[in-house]
């Protein structure tokens, strides 16, 4: 967690107020400060949406996929059962 915190602070520093030597090493393109704050805001919103999806969205998606799989298996078994009965009746 400490490493993630330090890396996040470094990224925010480079985004908002990059020191000249780091800017030269990374060959950063100069952006207006307002554009940098918009990028930071978009990144924060992305993290919030991602965490929300992980908390609740994955359960919803898993439920939909599970229901679809149960429906597909039930549908397939019904066809297989009919085919099996037809073969069984033909062998007698």
Protein backbone atom coordinates (compact mmCIF):
# COMPACT_ATOMS: atom_id res chain seq x y z
CA UNK A 1 0.00 0.00 0.00
CA UNK A 2 2.88 2.34 0.76
CA UNK A 3 4.32 1.83 -2.73
CA UNK A 4 0.94 2.53 -4.34
CA UNK A 5 0.59 5.69 -2.29
CA UNK A 6 4.06 6.95 -3.24
CA UNK A 7 3.49 6.12 -6.90
CA UNK A 8 0.11 7.89 -6.87
CA UNK A 9 1.63 11.00 -5.28
CA UNK A 10 4.44 10.97 -7.85
CA UNK A 11 1.93 10.70 -10.71
CA UNK A 12 -0.14 13.57 -9.33
CA UNK A 13 3.00 15.70 -8.90
CA UNK A 14 4.12 14.98 -12.47
CA UNK A 15 0.62 15.74 -13.75
CA UNK A 16 -0.02 18.98 -11.91
CA UNK A 17 3.41 20.56 -11.29
CA UNK A 18 6.19 18.57 -12.95
CA UNK A 19 9.73 19.62 -11.97
CA UNK A 20 11.77 20.70 -15.00
CA UNK A 21 14.34 17.83 -14.83
CA UNK A 22 11.58 15.21 -14.68
CA UNK A 23 9.70 16.98 -17.46
CA UNK A 24 12.83 16.88 -19.62
CA UNK A 25 13.52 13.20 -18.88
CA UNK A 26 9.93 12.18 -19.63
CA UNK A 27 9.65 14.66 -22.53
CA UNK A 28 6.28 15.85 -21.27
CA UNK A 29 4.15 18.00 -23.52
CA UNK A 30 3.26 21.34 -21.92
CA UNK A 31 -0.43 21.52 -21.05
CA UNK A 32 -2.44 24.35 -19.53
CA UNK A 33 -3.07 23.88 -15.81
CA UNK A 34 -6.84 23.65 -16.40
CA UNK A 35 -6.32 20.71 -18.78
CA UNK A 36 -4.18 18.99 -16.15
CA UNK A 37 -6.87 19.39 -13.51
CA UNK A 38 -9.47 18.00 -15.93
CA UNK A 39 -7.23 14.95 -16.49
CA UNK A 40 -6.92 14.48 -12.74
CA UNK A 41 -10.69 14.79 -12.30
CA UNK A 42 -11.32 12.23 -15.06
CA UNK A 43 -8.83 9.83 -13.44
CA UNK A 44 -10.54 10.18 -10.04
CA UNK A 45 -13.97 9.58 -11.62
CA UNK A 46 -12.58 6.52 -13.43
CA UNK A 47 -11.29 5.08 -10.16
CA UNK A 48 -14.65 5.70 -8.46
CA UNK A 49 -16.62 4.08 -11.29
CA UNK A 50 -14.22 1.10 -11.37
CA UNK A 51 -14.53 0.55 -7.62
CA UNK A 52 -18.31 0.83 -7.82
CA UNK A 53 -18.44 -1.72 -10.65
CA UNK A 54 -16.18 -4.10 -8.70
CA UNK A 55 -18.44 -3.83 -5.66
CA UNK A 56 -21.87 -4.20 -7.29
CA UNK A 57 -21.56 -4.53 -11.07
CA UNK A 58 -19.67 -7.80 -11.06
CA UNK A 59 -22.43 -9.45 -9.02
CA UNK A 60 -25.02 -8.27 -11.53
CA UNK A 61 -23.00 -9.46 -14.53
CA UNK A 62 -22.27 -12.81 -12.86
CA UNK A 63 -26.00 -13.26 -12.14
CA UNK A 64 -26.94 -12.55 -15.74
CA UNK A 65 -24.28 -14.94 -17.08
CA UNK A 66 -25.27 -17.64 -14.56
CA UNK A 67 -28.94 -17.32 -15.51
CA UNK A 68 -28.05 -17.54 -19.19
CA UNK A 69 -25.95 -20.64 -18.60
CA UNK A 70 -28.74 -22.32 -16.61
CA UNK A 71 -31.22 -21.49 -19.38
CA UNK A 72 -28.85 -22.83 -22.06
CA UNK A 73 -28.14 -26.07 -20.15
CA UNK A 74 -31.83 -26.70 -19.55
CA UNK A 75 -32.55 -26.10 -23.20
CA UNK A 76 -29.72 -28.37 -24.34
CA UNK A 77 -30.64 -31.17 -21.92
CA UNK A 78 -34.20 -31.20 -23.17
CA UNK A 79 -33.02 -31.72 -26.74
CA UNK A 80 -30.48 -34.37 -25.70
CA UNK A 81 -33.11 -36.22 -23.68
CA UNK A 82 -35.48 -36.32 -26.66
CA UNK A 83 -32.72 -37.55 -28.97
CA UNK A 84 -31.75 -40.23 -26.45
CA UNK A 85 -35.31 -41.45 -26.10
CA UNK A 86 -35.72 -41.61 -29.85
CA UNK A 87 -32.61 -43.79 -30.20
CA UNK A 88 -33.65 -45.94 -27.26
CA UNK A 89 -37.11 -46.55 -28.78
CA UNK A 90 -35.60 -47.44 -32.16
CA UNK A 91 -33.36 -50.14 -30.65
CA UNK A 92 -36.23 -52.20 -29.18
